[in-house]
Amino acid sequence: MFQYGLLHVGQIIGSSFILILGIHSCLHRSHLNPGTLTVILAIIDKKYISYIKLLLKVILSYVRNDKIYIQNSLSKVILIRVRNKVTKMENQDEQRPNCPVCNSNKTRKDSVRKTLLCDKQRWYCKACGKRWVNSPIRNIKGDPKTVVTVMDLYMKGVSYRSIADHLKQIYGLEVSHITVLNWVNTYLTKITEYVKSMQPQVGDYWLADEQFIKVKGNQQYVWNVLDNKTRFLLASNASKTRNYKDARTTFKRAKKVAGKKAKTVVTDGSFNYSKAVRKEFATYQNPKPHKRYVSLRQKSGNNNKIERFHETFRQRDKVMRGFKGNQKQYAENFQTYYNFVRKHSKIGMTPAQKAKIDQKADWKELLIKAMQSPVPENQTRLV
């Protein structure tokens, strides 16, 4: 091992010495024969590519800035050929995307599409001739960064028109508020469908409650089920009525997400929960899973955590001054935002991370994974 280490150090010193001699000859306007060029190109190996690239960067930057004049044309050719070989070796290591049409791996970089926001790299398939931009977001004015900005501002309570104005002021991108609505509808729905495949590891103590919302001037309800241990929102269901069937539907969704039954379910004093909890959670080993919180004098079994969650939900509700018919989809989208993106101030992480789901609290990563996953058959559109 010691001998191999000395040999490795010797190769680096020798290779660097020969390369510096070649570059030194270029800078001092001396001739460099083809034999020296062969040696320089032969010593460039992947082991030393970063070191050689650094030397070339320094020398070529001086040449480009005309700080050093190279009279000998052969010396220029040598520098360019060395740089081209380094670039070629880097491109060989780069992961090339497969063709989206024929799935061939015979692809190469084609050209750069210049847009208002950034330059987008085009790719070309040698097998079928397809040209495309390898990006999860296509055929829109924006890019992943602007789409992520739109979704984040929307879930934090900013209106569609204010988001459109934000894009114009910050990014110089002029889009209408309808475009913003379409982006929210398309990409938030895809992310919501994607995260449904993730199963959290939650506790056995759940909190359930409903809250009032206004839909086209009429009073409706959103039913929520929250895990006490991880703060993971297991279900969020919008309904026109407030009865036993709605409560039971919500509990079924919560069980499906958690993959198990809760041993204790805490609710308020509404009698709509009693039968629903008994039907969905009662067993021979646990015949009384329901705990009703009906008085402030009770020392245990309070519902404060889910009541605090309702205040978080209201951030968007207040800005919209009620819903226009998209309350069901918004409840699901907010469930995704609350569980996977919004960091909980008490636990210091997202509820999904607390529930041992390996997912960063990052909109862009969620968006890319959702766009690469299979598209769901039925998607509900916002109205």
Protein backbone atom coordinates (compact mmCIF):
# COMPACT_ATOMS: atom_id res chain seq x y z
CA MET A 1 0.00 0.00 0.00
CA PHE A 2 2.90 2.34 0.85
CA GLN A 3 4.61 1.60 -2.47
CA TYR A 4 1.36 2.24 -4.34
CA GLY A 5 0.98 5.56 -2.53
CA LEU A 6 4.48 6.67 -3.57
CA LEU A 7 3.80 5.60 -7.15
CA HIS A 8 0.54 7.57 -7.19
CA VAL A 9 2.24 10.72 -5.86
CA GLY A 10 5.03 10.29 -8.40
CA GLN A 11 2.53 10.07 -11.25
CA ILE A 12 0.85 13.28 -10.16
CA ILE A 13 4.15 15.16 -9.82
CA GLY A 14 5.45 13.85 -13.14
CA SER A 15 2.22 14.57 -15.01
CA SER A 16 1.98 18.06 -13.60
CA PHE A 17 5.62 18.75 -14.46
CA ILE A 18 5.18 17.76 -18.10
CA LEU A 19 1.94 19.73 -18.40
CA ILE A 20 3.51 22.84 -16.88
CA LEU A 21 6.46 22.52 -19.30
CA GLY A 22 4.04 22.45 -22.22
CA ILE A 23 2.10 25.47 -21.00
CA HIS A 24 5.35 27.28 -20.18
CA SER A 25 6.50 26.80 -23.76
CA CYS A 26 3.21 28.29 -25.01
CA LEU A 27 3.51 31.36 -22.83
CA HIS A 28 7.11 32.03 -23.84
CA ARG A 29 6.35 31.86 -27.57
CA SER A 30 8.50 28.79 -28.11
CA HIS A 31 7.71 25.92 -30.44
CA LEU A 32 6.17 22.70 -29.12
CA ASN A 33 6.63 19.65 -31.31
CA PRO A 34 3.97 16.96 -31.85
CA GLY A 35 5.85 14.58 -29.59
CA THR A 36 5.37 16.86 -26.62
CA LEU A 37 1.69 17.22 -27.53
CA THR A 38 1.34 13.44 -27.51
CA VAL A 39 2.87 13.24 -24.03
CA ILE A 40 0.59 15.98 -22.68
CA LEU A 41 -2.55 14.33 -24.04
CA ALA A 42 -1.42 10.90 -22.82
CA ILE A 43 -0.91 12.00 -19.22
CA ILE A 44 -4.41 13.42 -18.87
CA ASP A 45 -6.31 10.81 -16.91
CA LYS A 46 -9.54 10.91 -14.89
CA LYS A 47 -7.48 10.67 -11.71
CA TYR A 48 -5.92 14.11 -12.33
CA ILE A 49 -8.68 15.81 -14.33
CA SER A 50 -9.62 18.26 -11.58
CA TYR A 51 -5.99 19.33 -11.05
CA ILE A 52 -5.30 19.73 -14.77
CA LYS A 53 -8.59 21.56 -15.28
CA LEU A 54 -7.56 24.09 -12.64
CA LEU A 55 -4.24 24.78 -14.42
CA LEU A 56 -5.98 25.15 -17.78
CA LYS A 57 -8.57 27.49 -16.32
CA VAL A 58 -5.88 29.85 -15.07
CA ILE A 59 -3.86 29.84 -18.30
CA LEU A 60 -6.84 30.10 -20.69
CA SER A 61 -8.38 32.91 -18.68
CA TYR A 62 -5.22 34.96 -19.27
CA VAL A 63 -5.33 34.12 -22.98
CA ARG A 64 -9.00 35.11 -23.33
CA ASN A 65 -8.43 38.39 -21.54
CA ASP A 66 -5.49 39.19 -23.86
CA LYS A 67 -3.16 39.55 -20.88
CA ILE A 68 -0.71 37.20 -22.59
CA TYR A 69 -0.19 37.13 -26.34
CA ILE A 70 0.54 33.71 -27.85
CA GLN A 71 2.30 34.16 -31.17
CA ASN A 72 2.93 30.55 -31.97
CA SER A 73 -0.17 29.06 -33.61
CA LEU A 74 0.90 25.52 -32.77
CA SER A 75 0.99 26.41 -29.09
CA LYS A 76 -2.58 27.69 -29.35
CA VAL A 77 -3.66 24.42 -30.95
CA ILE A 78 -2.05 22.44 -28.14
CA LEU A 79 -3.86 24.40 -25.44
CA ILE A 80 -7.17 24.04 -27.27
CA ARG A 81 -6.73 20.29 -27.79
CA VAL A 82 -5.85 19.78 -24.13
CA ARG A 83 -8.94 21.75 -23.10
CA ASN A 84 -11.13 19.77 -25.54
CA LYS A 85 -9.95 16.47 -24.15
CA VAL A 86 -10.73 17.57 -20.59
CA THR A 87 -14.21 18.68 -21.69
CA LYS A 88 -14.81 15.42 -23.54
CA MET A 89 -13.86 13.35 -20.51
CA GLU A 90 -16.25 15.38 -18.36
CA ASN A 91 -19.10 14.86 -20.86
CA GLN A 92 -18.50 11.11 -20.86
CA ASP A 93 -19.14 11.01 -17.11
CA GLU A 94 -22.28 13.14 -17.39
CA GLN A 95 -25.53 11.21 -17.12
CA ARG A 96 -27.36 11.52 -20.42
CA PRO A 97 -31.16 11.26 -20.51
CA ASN A 98 -32.91 8.63 -22.57
CA CYS A 99 -35.10 9.70 -25.45
CA PRO A 100 -38.71 10.29 -24.30
CA VAL A 101 -40.03 8.82 -27.59
CA CYS A 102 -37.98 5.70 -28.33
CA ASN A 103 -36.20 5.39 -24.95
CA SER A 104 -32.84 5.17 -26.70
CA ASN A 105 -29.65 6.08 -24.85
CA LYS A 106 -27.98 7.36 -28.02
CA THR A 107 -28.48 11.01 -27.16
CA ARG A 108 -26.30 14.10 -27.22
CA LYS A 109 -26.49 17.80 -26.44
CA ASP A 110 -27.92 19.72 -29.37
CA SER A 111 -28.32 23.43 -28.71
CA VAL A 112 -29.40 25.90 -26.06
CA ARG A 113 -32.85 27.48 -26.01
CA LYS A 114 -32.64 31.01 -24.68
CA THR A 115 -35.68 32.10 -22.65
CA LEU A 116 -36.52 35.12 -20.55
CA LEU A 117 -35.67 33.31 -17.30
CA CYS A 118 -32.78 31.01 -18.22
CA ASP A 119 -31.05 29.00 -20.93
CA LYS A 120 -32.53 25.54 -21.45
CA GLN A 121 -30.33 22.75 -22.81
CA ARG A 122 -31.81 20.88 -25.78
CA TRP A 123 -31.03 17.20 -26.37
CA TYR A 124 -30.99 15.25 -29.63
CA CYS A 125 -31.71 11.55 -30.16
CA LYS A 126 -29.52 9.94 -32.83
CA ALA A 127 -31.93 7.03 -33.19
CA CYS A 128 -35.22 8.80 -33.99
CA GLY A 129 -34.20 12.44 -34.44
CA LYS A 130 -36.25 13.76 -31.51
CA ARG A 131 -35.18 17.09 -30.00
CA TRP A 132 -36.37 18.01 -26.49
CA VAL A 133 -35.58 19.88 -23.29
CA ASN A 134 -34.85 17.52 -20.42
CA SER A 135 -36.91 19.27 -17.74
CA PRO A 136 -39.87 18.11 -15.62
CA ILE A 137 -41.66 21.36 -16.55
CA ARG A 138 -42.30 21.81 -20.27
CA ASN A 139 -44.40 23.91 -22.63
CA ILE A 140 -44.87 26.82 -20.23
CA LYS A 141 -43.30 30.25 -19.90
CA GLY A 142 -41.80 29.47 -16.53
CA ASP A 143 -39.36 26.92 -15.17
CA PRO A 144 -39.37 24.72 -12.03
CA LYS A 145 -38.22 27.65 -9.90
CA THR A 146 -41.16 29.87 -10.87
CA VAL A 147 -43.68 27.04 -10.50
CA VAL A 148 -42.34 26.26 -7.03
CA THR A 149 -42.61 29.97 -6.14
CA VAL A 150 -46.23 30.03 -7.30
CA MET A 151 -47.21 26.96 -5.25
CA ASP A 152 -45.45 28.18 -2.13
CA LEU A 153 -47.02 31.64 -2.25
CA TYR A 154 -50.46 30.17 -2.94
CA MET A 155 -50.35 27.83 0.05
CA LYS A 156 -49.15 30.70 2.26
CA GLY A 157 -52.24 32.73 1.50
CA VAL A 158 -51.26 35.00 -1.41
CA SER A 159 -53.95 35.65 -4.02
CA TYR A 160 -53.62 34.68 -7.70
CA ARG A 161 -53.29 38.28 -8.89
CA SER A 162 -50.71 39.08 -6.23
CA ILE A 163 -48.68 36.03 -7.28
CA ALA A 164 -48.80 37.15 -10.92
CA ASP A 165 -47.57 40.61 -9.87
CA HIS A 166 -44.79 39.01 -7.80
CA LEU A 167 -43.53 37.09 -10.86
CA LYS A 168 -43.50 40.31 -12.89
CA GLN A 169 -41.67 42.33 -10.24
CA ILE A 170 -39.07 39.72 -9.24
CA TYR A 171 -38.54 37.57 -12.36
CA GLY A 172 -39.75 39.92 -15.10
CA LEU A 173 -42.22 37.25 -16.21
CA GLU A 174 -45.64 38.51 -17.29
CA VAL A 175 -48.41 35.94 -16.81
CA SER A 176 -52.10 36.33 -16.02
CA HIS A 177 -53.75 35.21 -12.80
CA ILE A 178 -55.47 32.45 -14.81
CA THR A 179 -52.06 31.05 -15.72
CA VAL A 180 -51.16 31.03 -12.03
CA LEU A 181 -54.41 29.17 -11.27
CA ASN A 182 -53.63 26.59 -13.97
CA TRP A 183 -50.12 26.02 -12.61
CA VAL A 184 -51.47 25.52 -9.10
CA ASN A 185 -54.14 23.16 -10.40
CA THR A 186 -51.79 21.07 -12.51
CA TYR A 187 -48.67 20.72 -10.40
CA LEU A 188 -50.13 20.72 -6.88
CA THR A 189 -52.53 17.97 -7.95
CA LYS A 190 -49.64 15.90 -9.30
CA ILE A 191 -47.69 16.30 -6.06
CA THR A 192 -50.76 15.41 -3.99
CA GLU A 193 -51.30 12.23 -6.01
CA TYR A 194 -47.61 11.34 -5.66
CA VAL A 195 -47.42 11.65 -1.86
CA LYS A 196 -50.48 9.44 -1.41
CA SER A 197 -48.22 6.46 -2.07
CA MET A 198 -46.16 7.21 1.07
CA GLN A 199 -47.26 5.58 4.30
CA PRO A 200 -46.35 7.34 7.57
CA GLN A 201 -45.50 5.63 10.85
CA VAL A 202 -47.95 7.29 13.22
CA GLY A 203 -49.04 6.66 16.80
CA ASP A 204 -52.22 5.17 18.22
CA TYR A 205 -53.65 8.41 19.62
CA TRP A 206 -55.58 10.48 17.06
CA LEU A 207 -57.43 13.79 17.22
CA ALA A 208 -60.51 14.53 15.11
CA ASP A 209 -62.57 17.66 14.62
CA GLU A 210 -64.48 19.60 11.97
CA GLN A 211 -64.39 23.28 11.06
CA PHE A 212 -66.77 25.62 9.26
CA ILE A 213 -65.93 27.03 5.83
CA LYS A 214 -67.85 29.27 3.46
CA VAL A 215 -68.52 28.02 -0.08
CA LYS A 216 -70.29 30.46 -2.41
CA GLY A 217 -71.87 32.12 0.60
CA ASN A 218 -73.10 28.84 2.13
CA GLN A 219 -71.76 27.11 5.23
CA GLN A 220 -69.99 23.80 4.71
CA TYR A 221 -67.49 21.70 6.69
CA VAL A 222 -63.95 20.29 6.55
CA TRP A 223 -63.29 17.19 8.67
CA ASN A 224 -59.70 16.61 9.87
CA VAL A 225 -57.90 13.76 11.61
CA LEU A 226 -54.49 14.51 13.17
CA ASP A 227 -51.98 12.14 14.74
CA ASN A 228 -51.08 13.36 18.23
CA LYS A 229 -47.50 12.05 18.20
CA THR A 230 -46.19 13.17 14.79
CA ARG A 231 -48.74 15.95 13.98
CA PHE A 232 -49.28 14.16 10.67
CA LEU A 233 -52.60 15.13 9.07
CA LEU A 234 -54.10 11.76 8.19
CA ALA A 235 -57.30 12.96 6.50
CA SER A 236 -58.94 16.19 5.39
CA ASN A 237 -62.42 15.81 3.92
CA ALA A 238 -64.78 18.59 2.75
CA SER A 239 -68.53 17.97 2.90
CA LYS A 240 -71.80 19.88 2.66
CA THR A 241 -73.31 18.21 5.72
CA ARG A 242 -72.26 17.43 9.27
CA ASN A 243 -73.47 13.94 10.08
CA TYR A 244 -72.38 10.41 10.91
CA LYS A 245 -71.66 9.40 7.29
CA ASP A 246 -69.26 12.29 6.75
CA ALA A 247 -67.38 11.49 9.96
CA ARG A 248 -67.11 7.83 9.05
CA THR A 249 -65.84 8.64 5.54
CA THR A 250 -63.10 10.76 7.07
CA PHE A 251 -62.08 8.00 9.49
CA LYS A 252 -61.87 5.48 6.64
CA ARG A 253 -59.47 7.76 4.78
CA ALA A 254 -57.36 8.20 7.91
CA LYS A 255 -57.11 4.42 8.41
CA LYS A 256 -56.10 3.94 4.78
CA VAL A 257 -53.29 6.49 5.03
CA ALA A 258 -52.01 5.19 8.38
CA GLY A 259 -52.43 1.52 7.47
CA LYS A 260 -53.89 0.72 10.89
CA LYS A 261 -56.53 1.58 13.48
CA ALA A 262 -56.08 4.03 16.33
CA LYS A 263 -56.53 2.85 19.90
CA THR A 264 -57.85 6.23 21.07
CA VAL A 265 -59.72 8.88 19.10
CA VAL A 266 -60.38 12.23 20.79
CA THR A 267 -63.23 14.40 19.50
CA ASP A 268 -65.39 17.23 20.77
CA GLY A 269 -68.84 16.72 22.25
CA SER A 270 -70.64 16.24 18.92
CA PHE A 271 -72.70 13.03 18.88
CA ASN A 272 -71.95 12.50 15.18
CA TYR A 273 -68.59 11.01 16.18
CA SER A 274 -69.81 8.40 18.67
CA LYS A 275 -71.23 5.90 16.20
CA ALA A 276 -68.56 6.57 13.57
CA VAL A 277 -65.69 5.93 16.00
CA ARG A 278 -67.35 2.79 17.30
CA LYS A 279 -67.90 1.39 13.79
CA GLU A 280 -64.39 2.11 12.54
CA PHE A 281 -62.13 1.64 15.58
CA ALA A 282 -63.83 -0.53 18.21
CA THR A 283 -62.51 -4.10 18.63
CA TYR A 284 -62.92 -6.88 21.19
CA GLN A 285 -59.57 -5.94 22.71
CA ASN A 286 -60.42 -2.23 22.62
CA PRO A 287 -64.21 -1.83 22.91
CA LYS A 288 -64.16 1.88 23.87
CA PRO A 289 -61.67 3.80 21.71
CA HIS A 290 -63.68 7.05 21.79
CA LYS A 291 -62.81 9.88 24.17
CA ARG A 292 -65.11 12.92 24.12
CA TYR A 293 -63.77 16.32 25.19
CA VAL A 294 -66.83 18.24 26.35
CA SER A 295 -65.60 20.55 29.10
CA LEU A 296 -62.61 22.76 29.85
CA ARG A 297 -62.55 21.20 33.32
CA GLN A 298 -61.33 17.89 31.89
CA LYS A 299 -57.69 17.34 32.83
CA SER A 300 -56.92 14.99 29.93
CA GLY A 301 -58.11 14.31 26.43
CA ASN A 302 -58.19 17.89 25.13
CA ASN A 303 -58.36 18.73 21.44
CA ASN A 304 -56.11 21.80 21.49
CA LYS A 305 -53.63 20.58 18.87
CA ILE A 306 -56.19 20.10 16.14
CA GLU A 307 -57.89 23.37 17.06
CA ARG A 308 -54.53 25.07 16.50
CA PHE A 309 -54.28 23.35 13.13
CA HIS A 310 -57.58 24.96 12.13
CA GLU A 311 -55.96 28.38 12.56
CA THR A 312 -53.23 27.36 10.11
CA PHE A 313 -55.85 26.26 7.60
CA ARG A 314 -57.59 29.65 7.93
CA GLN A 315 -54.57 31.50 6.53
CA ARG A 316 -55.74 30.75 3.00
CA ASP A 317 -59.46 30.78 3.75
CA LYS A 318 -59.31 34.38 4.99
CA VAL A 319 -57.55 35.63 1.85
CA MET A 320 -60.02 33.91 -0.47
CA ARG A 321 -63.01 35.11 1.60
CA GLY A 322 -64.51 31.68 1.16
CA PHE A 323 -64.25 29.03 -1.55
CA LYS A 324 -65.77 29.03 -5.03
CA GLY A 325 -66.23 25.28 -5.37
CA ASN A 326 -62.64 24.04 -5.09
CA GLN A 327 -62.78 23.25 -1.37
CA LYS A 328 -62.30 19.47 -1.76
CA GLN A 329 -59.16 19.78 -3.85
CA TYR A 330 -57.79 22.56 -1.67
CA ALA A 331 -58.24 20.45 1.47
CA GLU A 332 -56.14 17.68 -0.13
CA ASN A 333 -53.49 20.11 -1.38
CA PHE A 334 -53.22 21.75 2.01
CA GLN A 335 -52.79 18.31 3.56
CA THR A 336 -49.76 17.79 1.29
CA TYR A 337 -48.32 21.21 2.14
CA TYR A 338 -48.83 20.77 5.88
CA ASN A 339 -47.34 17.26 6.01
CA PHE A 340 -44.42 17.48 3.57
CA VAL A 341 -43.36 21.12 3.12
CA ARG A 342 -44.29 23.25 6.12
CA LYS A 343 -41.84 22.87 9.01
CA HIS A 344 -43.68 22.44 12.31
CA SER A 345 -42.45 24.93 14.90
CA LYS A 346 -42.96 22.56 17.84
CA ILE A 347 -41.30 19.40 16.54
CA GLY A 348 -38.66 21.21 14.47
CA MET A 349 -39.34 19.27 11.25
CA THR A 350 -42.19 18.40 8.93
CA PRO A 351 -44.82 15.92 10.17
CA ALA A 352 -43.77 13.58 7.35
CA GLN A 353 -40.17 13.51 8.60
CA LYS A 354 -41.42 12.94 12.14
CA ALA A 355 -43.45 10.03 10.77
CA LYS A 356 -40.19 8.57 9.33
CA ILE A 357 -40.85 9.38 5.69
CA ASP A 358 -37.56 10.07 3.93
CA GLN A 359 -38.53 13.23 2.09
CA LYS A 360 -36.94 16.69 2.26
CA ALA A 361 -39.16 19.69 2.92
CA ASP A 362 -38.50 20.96 -0.57
CA TRP A 363 -41.11 21.92 -3.18
CA LYS A 364 -38.73 21.42 -6.12
CA GLU A 365 -37.75 17.88 -5.16
CA LEU A 366 -41.40 16.93 -4.68
CA LEU A 367 -42.29 18.46 -8.03
CA ILE A 368 -39.57 16.61 -9.94
CA LYS A 369 -40.45 13.26 -8.35
CA ALA A 370 -44.15 13.81 -8.98
CA MET A 371 -43.60 14.67 -12.66
CA GLN A 372 -41.46 11.57 -13.15
CA SER A 373 -44.06 9.28 -11.54
CA PRO A 374 -46.99 7.80 -13.53
CA VAL A 375 -49.80 10.27 -14.22
CA PRO A 376 -53.02 9.46 -12.31
CA GLU A 377 -56.03 8.57 -14.44
CA ASN A 378 -58.52 10.91 -12.79
CA GLN A 379 -57.53 14.41 -11.76
CA THR A 380 -59.91 16.88 -10.16
CA ARG A 381 -59.60 20.39 -11.53
CA LEU A 382 -59.88 23.54 -9.48
CA VAL A 383 -62.80 25.79 -10.37
